[in-house]
Amino acid sequence: MKKMKNNIFKILLGLVFISTLNIGCTSDLDTEPLIELSLEELLSQDPKAVEGILSRLYGSFALSGADGPESSDISDNAGESPFLRGIVNLQDFAADGMKNRWGDNGLDQLTTTSDWTPENKFFRYLYNRIFFTVPQCNNLLAILPNVDVENKEVITSEVRFIRALAYYYLIDVFGKGVLATEENYGQTDPLPEASRQELFDYVEAELLAIEPLLSSENTYGRATKGAAQMLLAKLYLNAEVYTGTAKYAEAATYANKVITEGNYTLVNNYVSLFSADNNTSSEIIFPLIADSQVSQSYGNTTYIVNGNLSSDTMPLAEFGATDGWAGHRATKAWYGLYGDLATSTDDRAKLFWTEGHNYEMDDYKEWTDGYPSVKFRNTNVSGSSLASSFSSTDFPLFRLADAYLMYAECAIRDASGTDKGTALGYVNDVRTRSHASTVSSGDLTLDFIIDERGRELNLEGHRRTDLIRFGMFTGSSYIWPWKGGVKNGASIPSTYNVYPIPSSALQANPNLSQNPGY
């Protein structure tokens, strides 16, 4: 597994020269390649180069650019703008469990869910990353029919998955945008606005088409049948939010496919999922790969590991780091879910640094208010490891425990085809793995499942989406520390269930309109 992981990045680094292909974010979705050798000519001369190009597309979710951590594929800050960093910022720091203390303009408004505007650069970063990845995929998809490469059908399906994943975040975060595909690749006129329903229908159709074509072998770091099934389950789980029509039965069907058809198993050690050698995990379905030597980035798990550490209160080397950025702490909305941390038997409750820190977050800009999360670390679970400035821990974007909890939620919502006894077994499998007490059928309520998702999945890029699905993100039915910019929490408007379309995107395409309320 480790060798395969390193080989992926050797290929990627060997293809740095293609990084200028079709870089268009909000203003230009189909620029011509800026290299003398066209992509079609390259693949005609060297069909094996497609593997490196594909690796480069996968890398667009974790890396800032092909020339190391100071380089950027888009005209935005290389450190702040990577895709994964955007997912963490917009999904976790805008939700209840995590806060950032740096006070950066834009990030400060995210962490306090207040004063959101279309000028916020952190919204622009994710939008631009989406529309870097999509045209890169379109570029390759437009060429593949004309060249002879091995496993063309599978490779084409992987590229379509990568594009669908980028569009999933557009649907979830911004609610609308443009639908750029290989079919309209090269069009010079601004593309028309696509609604959330149109984008949903497109991603659904793409995933249904490629799911039977993708490999059923669990090739680490690449999209497989299980990854497509997982993304379909997530799309359907949130369908009522996205389209107004619930599709919990479909979500359960595809979560069940992941569970019963994929060769995935829950690992025994929860911490191993978030450690530097997690590439050996039998639970991770689709990771975003990191390596401290050959894929350095300030936007992969380095952001999570270093951001939760500070030498002022913590021993950095214990978590495999040499740098602590003193930025992120959890709030009681997360660690409070475990009860008394000192007496809890739940392994997940032990993943907070409490020494020298206060339980209450009286000031979100004060490092010692709130508990840093040490869920992610840069140490190996098995064998020794050396501390480094960058993380080698892969980000488990999709993993089996999430499929278990999705199935359970669908059963609680009485989705057809589900079985509550099976759901109870899945929930208890997840809890037993972490030495948490088992629960009974009477405990399986929606209130329980949203809390269990927080206990199991916080800081993995799902929390904001989950809270919106449960009707808990906006309004005042559920408040958390610093929601609405108030220490004890305050109501926020329903407008905030989607982010504003960045002003730069509106300026680049007059067909786009702003989301209501911004």
Protein backbone atom coordinates (compact mmCIF):
# COMPACT_ATOMS: atom_id res chain seq x y z
CA MET A 1 0.00 0.00 0.00
CA LYS A 2 2.74 2.48 0.98
CA LYS A 3 4.67 1.70 -2.19
CA MET A 4 1.54 2.27 -4.28
CA LYS A 5 0.93 5.56 -2.51
CA ASN A 6 4.47 6.77 -3.22
CA ASN A 7 4.30 5.62 -6.84
CA ILE A 8 1.19 7.71 -7.40
CA PHE A 9 3.08 10.82 -6.37
CA LYS A 10 6.21 9.95 -8.34
CA ILE A 11 4.01 9.82 -11.43
CA LEU A 12 2.31 13.05 -10.45
CA LEU A 13 5.58 14.91 -9.93
CA GLY A 14 6.89 13.58 -13.20
CA LEU A 15 4.02 15.32 -14.96
CA VAL A 16 4.42 18.76 -13.46
CA PHE A 17 4.60 20.20 -16.96
CA ILE A 18 0.93 19.52 -17.65
CA SER A 19 -0.20 21.64 -14.72
CA THR A 20 -0.99 24.55 -17.02
CA LEU A 21 -3.54 22.60 -19.02
CA ASN A 22 -6.91 24.32 -19.19
CA ILE A 23 -6.59 26.32 -15.99
CA GLY A 24 -9.84 28.24 -15.85
CA CYS A 25 -11.69 29.04 -12.66
CA THR A 26 -14.47 31.57 -12.79
CA SER A 27 -13.63 33.51 -15.94
CA ASP A 28 -12.45 30.92 -18.43
CA LEU A 29 -13.59 27.32 -18.39
CA ASP A 30 -11.91 26.21 -21.60
CA THR A 31 -8.58 27.92 -22.15
CA GLU A 32 -6.22 26.23 -24.56
CA PRO A 33 -3.31 24.24 -23.13
CA LEU A 34 -0.23 26.39 -22.56
CA ILE A 35 2.26 23.75 -23.64
CA GLU A 36 3.70 23.14 -27.07
CA LEU A 37 2.64 19.50 -27.06
CA SER A 38 -1.14 19.15 -26.92
CA LEU A 39 -2.71 16.67 -24.53
CA GLU A 40 -3.92 14.60 -27.46
CA GLU A 41 -0.42 14.54 -28.98
CA LEU A 42 1.08 13.61 -25.62
CA LEU A 43 -1.24 10.64 -25.15
CA SER A 44 -0.82 9.55 -28.75
CA GLN A 45 2.95 9.44 -28.28
CA ASP A 46 2.88 8.01 -24.76
CA PRO A 47 -0.45 6.35 -23.82
CA LYS A 48 0.91 5.46 -20.38
CA ALA A 49 1.06 9.16 -19.54
CA VAL A 50 -2.67 8.99 -18.87
CA GLU A 51 -1.92 7.45 -15.46
CA GLY A 52 0.06 10.50 -14.44
CA ILE A 53 -2.57 12.88 -15.76
CA LEU A 54 -5.21 10.97 -13.82
CA SER A 55 -3.09 11.19 -10.67
CA ARG A 56 -2.83 14.91 -11.23
CA LEU A 57 -6.62 15.15 -11.27
CA TYR A 58 -6.89 13.23 -8.01
CA GLY A 59 -4.24 15.51 -6.56
CA SER A 60 -6.35 18.58 -7.32
CA PHE A 61 -8.39 17.86 -4.18
CA ALA A 62 -5.40 17.92 -1.81
CA LEU A 63 -2.54 19.86 -3.41
CA SER A 64 -2.30 23.58 -4.11
CA GLY A 65 -0.18 23.12 -7.21
CA ALA A 66 2.26 20.82 -8.97
CA ASP A 67 5.42 22.69 -7.91
CA GLY A 68 5.10 22.21 -4.16
CA PRO A 69 3.33 23.93 -1.30
CA GLU A 70 4.11 27.48 -2.49
CA SER A 71 2.66 26.87 -5.96
CA SER A 72 -0.98 27.26 -6.91
CA ASP A 73 -3.00 25.97 -9.85
CA ILE A 74 -5.31 28.96 -9.51
CA SER A 75 -4.64 32.65 -9.01
CA ASP A 76 -5.33 32.42 -5.28
CA ASN A 77 -3.13 32.05 -2.22
CA ALA A 78 -1.34 28.67 -2.38
CA GLY A 79 -1.55 28.08 1.34
CA GLU A 80 -5.14 29.15 1.93
CA SER A 81 -6.92 27.96 -1.20
CA PRO A 82 -6.51 24.14 -1.61
CA PHE A 83 -9.69 22.13 -2.10
CA LEU A 84 -9.51 20.05 1.09
CA ARG A 85 -8.73 23.10 3.19
CA GLY A 86 -11.87 24.67 1.73
CA ILE A 87 -13.95 21.63 2.65
CA VAL A 88 -12.71 21.79 6.25
CA ASN A 89 -13.25 25.55 6.47
CA LEU A 90 -16.73 25.60 4.98
CA GLN A 91 -18.01 22.31 6.43
CA ASP A 92 -16.40 22.10 9.88
CA PHE A 93 -15.41 25.59 11.01
CA ALA A 94 -18.77 26.98 9.98
CA ALA A 95 -20.50 24.26 12.04
CA ASP A 96 -20.69 23.59 15.76
CA GLY A 97 -17.71 21.46 16.65
CA MET A 98 -14.61 23.38 15.54
CA LYS A 99 -13.53 27.02 15.66
CA ASN A 100 -10.50 28.87 14.31
CA ARG A 101 -8.88 31.66 16.30
CA TRP A 102 -6.63 33.44 13.79
CA GLY A 103 -9.04 36.28 13.10
CA ASP A 104 -8.30 36.36 9.36
CA ASN A 105 -10.80 38.44 7.45
CA GLY A 106 -13.16 35.93 5.87
CA LEU A 107 -12.17 32.98 8.02
CA ASP A 108 -13.32 34.88 11.09
CA GLN A 109 -16.78 35.28 9.54
CA LEU A 110 -16.85 31.57 8.74
CA THR A 111 -16.02 30.42 12.24
CA THR A 112 -18.65 32.73 13.77
CA THR A 113 -21.30 32.13 11.04
CA SER A 114 -21.80 35.86 10.72
CA ASP A 115 -21.48 38.62 8.13
CA TRP A 116 -21.23 36.28 5.12
CA THR A 117 -20.77 38.23 1.90
CA PRO A 118 -19.98 37.36 -1.73
CA GLU A 119 -16.58 39.07 -1.26
CA ASN A 120 -15.37 36.51 1.30
CA LYS A 121 -12.17 35.09 -0.19
CA PHE A 122 -12.66 31.68 1.43
CA PHE A 123 -15.90 31.19 -0.49
CA ARG A 124 -14.08 32.18 -3.67
CA TYR A 125 -11.29 29.70 -2.99
CA LEU A 126 -13.58 26.66 -2.99
CA TYR A 127 -15.60 27.89 -5.95
CA ASN A 128 -12.40 28.41 -7.93
CA ARG A 129 -11.04 24.99 -6.97
CA ILE A 130 -14.25 23.35 -8.17
CA PHE A 131 -13.92 25.15 -11.48
CA PHE A 132 -10.28 24.22 -11.79
CA THR A 133 -10.98 20.50 -11.36
CA VAL A 134 -14.05 20.37 -13.62
CA PRO A 135 -12.45 21.79 -16.79
CA GLN A 136 -9.33 19.70 -16.24
CA CYS A 137 -11.58 16.65 -16.30
CA ASN A 138 -13.44 17.95 -19.34
CA ASN A 139 -10.16 18.49 -21.17
CA LEU A 140 -9.13 14.87 -20.68
CA LEU A 141 -12.60 13.49 -21.40
CA ALA A 142 -12.70 15.38 -24.69
CA ILE A 143 -9.42 13.76 -25.75
CA LEU A 144 -9.82 10.17 -24.53
CA PRO A 145 -12.13 9.00 -27.36
CA ASN A 146 -9.41 9.95 -29.86
CA VAL A 147 -6.45 8.11 -28.29
CA ASP A 148 -5.62 4.50 -27.60
CA VAL A 149 -4.94 3.91 -23.90
CA GLU A 150 -5.26 0.79 -21.79
CA ASN A 151 -8.35 0.39 -19.60
CA LYS A 152 -9.94 3.38 -21.33
CA GLU A 153 -13.44 2.65 -20.03
CA VAL A 154 -12.29 2.47 -16.40
CA ILE A 155 -10.05 5.54 -16.71
CA THR A 156 -12.86 7.51 -18.35
CA SER A 157 -15.15 6.48 -15.50
CA GLU A 158 -12.60 7.59 -12.91
CA VAL A 159 -12.33 11.02 -14.53
CA ARG A 160 -16.12 11.30 -14.57
CA PHE A 161 -16.15 10.40 -10.85
CA ILE A 162 -13.62 13.13 -10.07
CA ARG A 163 -15.76 15.64 -11.96
CA ALA A 164 -18.93 14.40 -10.20
CA LEU A 165 -17.22 14.80 -6.82
CA ALA A 166 -16.31 18.41 -7.61
CA TYR A 167 -19.88 19.08 -8.73
CA TYR A 168 -21.20 17.46 -5.54
CA TYR A 169 -19.50 20.21 -3.54
CA LEU A 170 -20.93 22.84 -5.87
CA ILE A 171 -24.42 21.43 -5.23
CA ASP A 172 -23.90 21.20 -1.49
CA VAL A 173 -22.08 24.44 -0.80
CA PHE A 174 -23.30 26.95 -3.39
CA GLY A 175 -26.51 25.35 -4.65
CA LYS A 176 -26.01 26.36 -8.28
CA GLY A 177 -23.41 27.29 -10.86
CA VAL A 178 -22.71 26.35 -14.45
CA LEU A 179 -22.70 22.90 -15.99
CA ALA A 180 -19.44 22.57 -17.92
CA THR A 181 -18.90 19.22 -19.63
CA GLU A 182 -16.87 17.77 -22.48
CA GLU A 183 -19.95 18.40 -24.63
CA ASN A 184 -19.69 22.19 -24.35
CA TYR A 185 -15.90 22.23 -24.00
CA GLY A 186 -14.51 25.00 -26.18
CA GLN A 187 -17.64 27.13 -26.07
CA THR A 188 -16.68 30.79 -25.88
CA ASP A 189 -20.00 32.26 -24.76
CA PRO A 190 -20.69 32.26 -21.00
CA LEU A 191 -22.49 29.12 -19.97
CA PRO A 192 -26.05 29.37 -18.66
CA GLU A 193 -26.78 29.05 -14.98
CA ALA A 194 -27.63 25.54 -13.84
CA SER A 195 -30.03 25.11 -10.92
CA ARG A 196 -29.44 22.83 -7.96
CA GLN A 197 -31.95 20.37 -9.44
CA GLU A 198 -30.17 20.36 -12.80
CA LEU A 199 -26.80 19.81 -11.18
CA PHE A 200 -28.26 17.07 -8.96
CA ASP A 201 -29.77 15.29 -11.96
CA TYR A 202 -26.49 15.49 -13.86
CA VAL A 203 -24.33 14.13 -11.02
CA GLU A 204 -26.86 11.39 -10.30
CA ALA A 205 -26.90 10.31 -13.96
CA GLU A 206 -23.10 10.37 -14.18
CA LEU A 207 -22.65 8.24 -11.07
CA LEU A 208 -25.33 5.75 -12.08
CA ALA A 209 -23.63 5.41 -15.47
CA ILE A 210 -20.09 4.86 -14.16
CA GLU A 211 -20.84 2.79 -11.03
CA PRO A 212 -20.99 -0.56 -12.91
CA LEU A 213 -17.92 0.35 -14.99
CA LEU A 214 -15.53 1.22 -12.16
CA SER A 215 -13.24 -1.40 -10.72
CA SER A 216 -14.58 -3.40 -7.80
CA GLU A 217 -11.01 -3.91 -6.56
CA ASN A 218 -10.09 -1.62 -3.69
CA THR A 219 -7.22 0.21 -5.40
CA TYR A 220 -6.08 2.66 -2.74
CA GLY A 221 -6.29 6.30 -3.70
CA ARG A 222 -8.43 5.73 -6.80
CA ALA A 223 -12.14 5.85 -7.42
CA THR A 224 -13.68 2.40 -7.33
CA LYS A 225 -17.21 1.06 -7.46
CA GLY A 226 -17.43 1.61 -3.69
CA ALA A 227 -16.48 5.29 -4.03
CA ALA A 228 -19.23 5.88 -6.62
CA GLN A 229 -21.75 4.05 -4.44
CA MET A 230 -20.73 6.15 -1.44
CA LEU A 231 -21.09 9.40 -3.36
CA LEU A 232 -24.50 8.31 -4.63
CA ALA A 233 -25.54 7.49 -1.06
CA LYS A 234 -24.47 10.97 0.08
CA LEU A 235 -26.22 12.64 -2.85
CA TYR A 236 -29.45 10.78 -2.09
CA LEU A 237 -29.15 11.28 1.68
CA ASN A 238 -29.29 15.04 1.14
CA ALA A 239 -31.69 14.99 -1.81
CA GLU A 240 -34.54 16.58 0.14
CA VAL A 241 -32.31 19.57 0.95
CA TYR A 242 -31.00 19.79 -2.60
CA THR A 243 -34.20 19.21 -4.57
CA GLY A 244 -37.16 19.15 -2.18
CA THR A 245 -37.73 15.43 -2.82
CA ALA A 246 -36.51 12.90 -0.24
CA LYS A 247 -34.58 9.89 -1.51
CA TYR A 248 -33.73 8.06 1.70
CA ALA A 249 -34.60 4.67 0.24
CA GLU A 250 -32.10 5.23 -2.55
CA ALA A 251 -29.51 6.44 -0.04
CA ALA A 252 -29.99 3.25 1.99
CA THR A 253 -29.70 1.12 -1.15
CA TYR A 254 -26.31 2.52 -2.05
CA ALA A 255 -25.02 2.62 1.53
CA ASN A 256 -25.99 -1.05 1.72
CA LYS A 257 -24.10 -1.76 -1.51
CA VAL A 258 -20.98 -0.22 0.04
CA ILE A 259 -21.43 -2.34 3.16
CA THR A 260 -22.30 -5.67 1.54
CA GLU A 261 -20.57 -5.57 -1.84
CA GLY A 262 -17.32 -3.78 -1.07
CA ASN A 263 -14.38 -5.49 0.54
CA TYR A 264 -14.34 -3.02 3.44
CA THR A 265 -14.22 -3.76 7.16
CA LEU A 266 -14.18 -1.59 10.26
CA VAL A 267 -10.65 -1.35 11.63
CA ASN A 268 -10.14 -2.28 15.26
CA ASN A 269 -8.23 0.87 16.18
CA TYR A 270 -10.15 4.11 15.58
CA VAL A 271 -7.00 6.24 15.83
CA SER A 272 -5.39 4.28 13.00
CA LEU A 273 -7.86 5.89 10.58
CA PHE A 274 -6.27 9.30 11.19
CA SER A 275 -2.60 8.33 11.47
CA ALA A 276 0.28 8.58 9.00
CA ASP A 277 0.08 4.89 8.05
CA ASN A 278 -3.68 4.92 7.44
CA ASN A 279 -3.04 3.94 3.82
CA THR A 280 -3.16 0.33 5.04
CA SER A 281 -6.72 0.74 6.34
CA SER A 282 -9.44 -1.71 5.34
CA GLU A 283 -12.11 0.88 6.20
CA ILE A 284 -11.16 3.81 3.99
CA ILE A 285 -13.12 3.79 0.74
CA PHE A 286 -11.72 6.93 -0.87
CA PRO A 287 -8.84 8.97 0.56
CA LEU A 288 -7.22 12.26 -0.38
CA ILE A 289 -3.56 11.30 -0.29
CA ALA A 290 -0.80 13.14 1.57
CA ASP A 291 2.92 12.54 1.86
CA SER A 292 5.32 14.70 3.87
CA GLN A 293 8.08 14.34 1.27
CA VAL A 294 6.59 14.16 -2.22
CA SER A 295 3.20 15.84 -1.86
CA GLN A 296 3.72 18.72 0.53
CA SER A 297 0.75 21.02 0.91
CA TYR A 298 -0.56 23.50 3.44
CA GLY A 299 -4.03 22.44 2.37
CA ASN A 300 -4.14 18.69 2.98
CA THR A 301 -4.13 17.13 6.46
CA THR A 302 -1.15 19.35 7.32
CA TYR A 303 -3.79 22.05 7.85
CA ILE A 304 -5.67 19.85 10.31
CA VAL A 305 -2.69 18.37 12.17
CA ASN A 306 -0.53 21.49 12.53
CA GLY A 307 -3.56 23.75 12.96
CA ASN A 308 -4.63 21.88 16.10
CA LEU A 309 -1.19 22.03 17.72
CA SER A 310 0.80 24.61 19.65
CA SER A 311 4.07 24.20 21.52
CA ASP A 312 2.65 26.57 24.14
CA THR A 313 0.46 23.83 25.60
CA MET A 314 1.27 20.61 23.72
CA PRO A 315 4.23 18.34 22.86
CA LEU A 316 4.36 18.58 19.06
CA ALA A 317 6.54 15.52 18.54
CA GLU A 318 3.96 13.32 20.24
CA PHE A 319 1.77 13.93 17.21
CA GLY A 320 4.54 13.71 14.61
CA ALA A 321 4.79 17.44 13.97
CA THR A 322 7.55 20.01 14.14
CA ASP A 323 5.24 22.99 13.66
CA GLY A 324 2.19 24.06 15.65
CA TRP A 325 0.02 26.76 14.15
CA ALA A 326 -2.16 27.36 17.23
CA GLY A 327 -5.31 27.80 15.19
CA HIS A 328 -8.05 25.23 15.72
CA ARG A 329 -9.89 24.07 18.82
CA ALA A 330 -13.00 22.01 19.32
CA THR A 331 -15.92 23.40 21.30
CA LYS A 332 -18.13 21.76 23.89
CA ALA A 333 -20.64 21.17 21.09
CA TRP A 334 -18.27 18.36 20.03
CA TYR A 335 -16.53 17.09 23.16
CA GLY A 336 -19.70 17.58 25.19
CA LEU A 337 -21.26 14.75 23.16
CA TYR A 338 -19.14 12.23 25.11
CA GLY A 339 -20.17 13.33 28.61
CA ASP A 340 -17.35 13.49 31.13
CA LEU A 341 -14.16 13.12 29.10
CA ALA A 342 -12.21 12.02 32.16
CA THR A 343 -14.43 9.00 32.80
CA SER A 344 -15.71 8.15 29.33
CA THR A 345 -14.71 4.73 27.99
CA ASP A 346 -15.18 5.97 24.42
CA ASP A 347 -11.83 6.07 22.59
CA ARG A 348 -13.10 9.03 20.58
CA ALA A 349 -13.47 11.05 23.78
CA LYS A 350 -9.72 10.77 24.36
CA LEU A 351 -8.85 12.67 21.19
CA PHE A 352 -8.89 16.15 22.72
CA TRP A 353 -6.00 17.92 24.42
CA THR A 354 -7.36 19.25 27.69
CA GLU A 355 -4.25 20.10 29.72
CA GLY A 356 -3.81 23.86 29.92
CA HIS A 357 -7.11 24.46 28.14
CA ASN A 358 -10.55 25.58 29.28
CA TYR A 359 -13.77 23.64 28.71
CA GLU A 360 -15.69 26.82 27.89
CA MET A 361 -14.80 28.88 24.84
CA ASP A 362 -15.34 32.31 26.35
CA ASP A 363 -13.15 33.84 23.63
CA TYR A 364 -12.81 31.96 20.35
CA LYS A 365 -9.60 33.90 19.61
CA GLU A 366 -7.94 32.71 22.82
CA TRP A 367 -5.84 29.59 22.19
CA THR A 368 -6.48 28.07 25.62
CA ASP A 369 -10.28 28.38 25.33
CA GLY A 370 -11.59 25.10 23.94
CA TYR A 371 -9.80 21.79 23.42
CA PRO A 372 -7.57 21.16 20.39
CA SER A 373 -8.55 18.01 18.50
CA VAL A 374 -5.77 15.44 18.19
CA LYS A 375 -7.92 13.07 16.14
CA PHE A 376 -5.61 13.60 13.16
CA ARG A 377 -1.89 13.14 13.80
CA ASN A 378 1.27 12.57 11.78
CA THR A 379 2.46 9.52 13.68
CA ASN A 380 2.26 5.89 12.64
CA VAL A 381 0.08 3.52 14.63
CA SER A 382 2.40 0.62 13.77
CA GLY A 383 6.13 1.23 13.82
CA SER A 384 8.19 4.33 14.41
CA SER A 385 7.79 7.65 12.65
CA LEU A 386 9.73 10.88 12.36
CA ALA A 387 8.26 14.29 13.11
CA SER A 388 7.96 16.57 10.08
CA SER A 389 6.61 19.94 9.01
CA PHE A 390 4.12 18.40 6.60
CA SER A 391 1.63 15.60 7.15
CA SER A 392 1.70 12.12 5.63
CA THR A 393 -1.77 11.28 6.91
CA ASP A 394 -4.34 10.67 4.19
CA PHE A 395 -7.76 12.28 4.56
CA PRO A 396 -10.50 9.59 4.66
CA LEU A 397 -13.12 11.39 2.59
CA PHE A 398 -15.30 8.26 2.51
CA ARG A 399 -15.11 5.40 4.97
CA LEU A 400 -17.23 2.44 6.00
CA ALA A 401 -18.44 3.73 9.38
CA ASP A 402 -20.14 6.61 7.59
CA ALA A 403 -22.01 4.12 5.38
CA TYR A 404 -23.17 2.29 8.54
CA LEU A 405 -24.48 5.51 10.05
CA MET A 406 -26.11 6.62 6.80
CA TYR A 407 -27.97 3.32 6.56
CA ALA A 408 -29.06 3.65 10.20
CA GLU A 409 -30.34 7.19 9.63
CA CYS A 410 -32.37 6.04 6.63
CA ALA A 411 -33.87 3.23 8.71
CA ILE A 412 -34.82 5.70 11.46
CA ARG A 413 -36.49 7.80 8.78
CA ASP A 414 -38.49 4.66 7.81
CA ALA A 415 -36.99 4.42 4.32
CA SER A 416 -38.41 1.48 2.41
CA GLY A 417 -36.15 -1.54 2.20
CA THR A 418 -34.35 -0.81 5.46
CA ASP A 419 -34.33 -2.91 8.60
CA LYS A 420 -34.08 -1.31 12.03
CA GLY A 421 -32.48 -4.42 13.53
CA THR A 422 -29.70 -4.25 10.94
CA ALA A 423 -29.37 -0.53 11.57
CA LEU A 424 -28.99 -1.12 15.32
CA GLY A 425 -26.26 -3.66 14.62
CA TYR A 426 -24.37 -1.21 12.44
CA VAL A 427 -24.57 1.57 15.04
CA ASN A 428 -23.35 -0.75 17.78
CA ASP A 429 -20.52 -2.00 15.56
CA VAL A 430 -19.34 1.60 15.22
CA ARG A 431 -19.67 2.27 18.95
CA THR A 432 -18.16 -1.02 20.10
CA ARG A 433 -15.08 -0.39 17.96
CA SER A 434 -14.42 2.71 20.07
CA HIS A 435 -15.35 0.99 23.37
CA ALA A 436 -18.50 3.08 23.73
CA SER A 437 -21.49 1.40 25.35
CA THR A 438 -23.98 -0.31 23.08
CA VAL A 439 -27.45 1.15 22.60
CA SER A 440 -30.90 -0.41 22.34
CA SER A 441 -33.52 -0.05 19.61
CA GLY A 442 -35.32 2.57 21.69
CA ASP A 443 -32.23 4.76 21.53
CA LEU A 444 -32.28 4.91 17.73
CA THR A 445 -33.77 8.35 17.17
CA LEU A 446 -32.82 11.19 14.85
CA ASP A 447 -31.47 13.13 17.84
CA PHE A 448 -29.22 10.20 18.69
CA ILE A 449 -27.97 9.70 15.13
CA ILE A 450 -26.97 13.33 14.55
CA ASP A 451 -25.02 13.20 17.82
CA GLU A 452 -23.42 9.89 16.89
CA ARG A 453 -22.40 11.30 13.52
CA GLY A 454 -20.73 14.14 15.43
CA ARG A 455 -18.92 11.74 17.75
CA GLU A 456 -17.72 9.57 14.88
CA LEU A 457 -17.24 11.94 11.94
CA ASN A 458 -16.51 15.48 13.13
CA LEU A 459 -13.59 17.17 11.39
CA GLU A 460 -14.08 14.92 8.35
CA GLY A 461 -15.95 17.44 6.20
CA HIS A 462 -19.57 16.39 6.85
CA ARG A 463 -20.86 18.38 9.81
CA ARG A 464 -22.43 21.45 8.16
CA THR A 465 -24.21 19.25 5.61
CA ASP A 466 -25.49 16.98 8.39
CA LEU A 467 -26.81 19.88 10.48
CA ILE A 468 -28.63 21.35 7.48
CA ARG A 469 -30.25 17.99 6.70
CA PHE A 470 -31.50 17.78 10.29
CA GLY A 471 -32.82 21.36 10.22
CA MET A 472 -30.31 22.39 12.89
CA PHE A 473 -27.89 24.68 11.09
CA THR A 474 -29.85 27.90 10.73
CA GLY A 475 -32.49 29.37 12.99
CA SER A 476 -32.45 29.06 16.78
CA SER A 477 -33.58 25.46 17.40
CA TYR A 478 -29.94 24.49 17.91
CA ILE A 479 -27.27 26.95 18.99
CA TRP A 480 -23.59 26.40 19.71
CA PRO A 481 -20.68 28.50 20.98
CA TRP A 482 -20.12 31.53 18.76
CA LYS A 483 -22.92 30.72 16.34
CA GLY A 484 -24.01 34.06 14.91
CA GLY A 485 -20.95 35.74 16.43
CA VAL A 486 -22.29 35.45 20.00
CA LYS A 487 -20.49 33.58 22.79
CA ASN A 488 -23.50 31.51 23.79
CA GLY A 489 -24.84 31.25 20.24
CA ALA A 490 -27.62 33.01 18.38
CA SER A 491 -30.03 32.40 15.54
CA ILE A 492 -28.70 32.75 12.00
CA PRO A 493 -30.87 33.27 8.88
CA SER A 494 -31.97 30.46 6.58
CA THR A 495 -30.00 32.26 3.87
CA TYR A 496 -26.91 30.61 5.38
CA ASN A 497 -28.02 27.14 4.29
CA VAL A 498 -26.08 27.90 1.12
CA TYR A 499 -23.07 30.14 0.65
CA PRO A 500 -23.17 33.24 -1.53
CA ILE A 501 -21.94 32.93 -5.11
CA PRO A 502 -18.56 34.73 -5.10
CA SER A 503 -18.59 38.20 -6.63
CA SER A 504 -15.75 37.22 -8.94
CA ALA A 505 -17.90 34.47 -10.46
CA LEU A 506 -20.83 36.84 -10.98
CA GLN A 507 -18.54 39.35 -12.68
CA ALA A 508 -17.07 36.68 -14.95
CA ASN A 509 -20.40 35.24 -16.07
CA PRO A 510 -23.43 37.54 -16.40
CA ASN A 511 -25.69 34.47 -16.61
CA LEU A 512 -25.09 33.70 -12.94
CA SER A 513 -27.36 35.15 -10.27
CA GLN A 514 -26.76 35.57 -6.56
CA ASN A 515 -28.34 33.26 -4.01
CA PRO A 516 -31.33 34.89 -2.25
CA GLY A 517 -30.55 37.02 0.77
CA TYR A 518 -26.99 37.99 -0.12
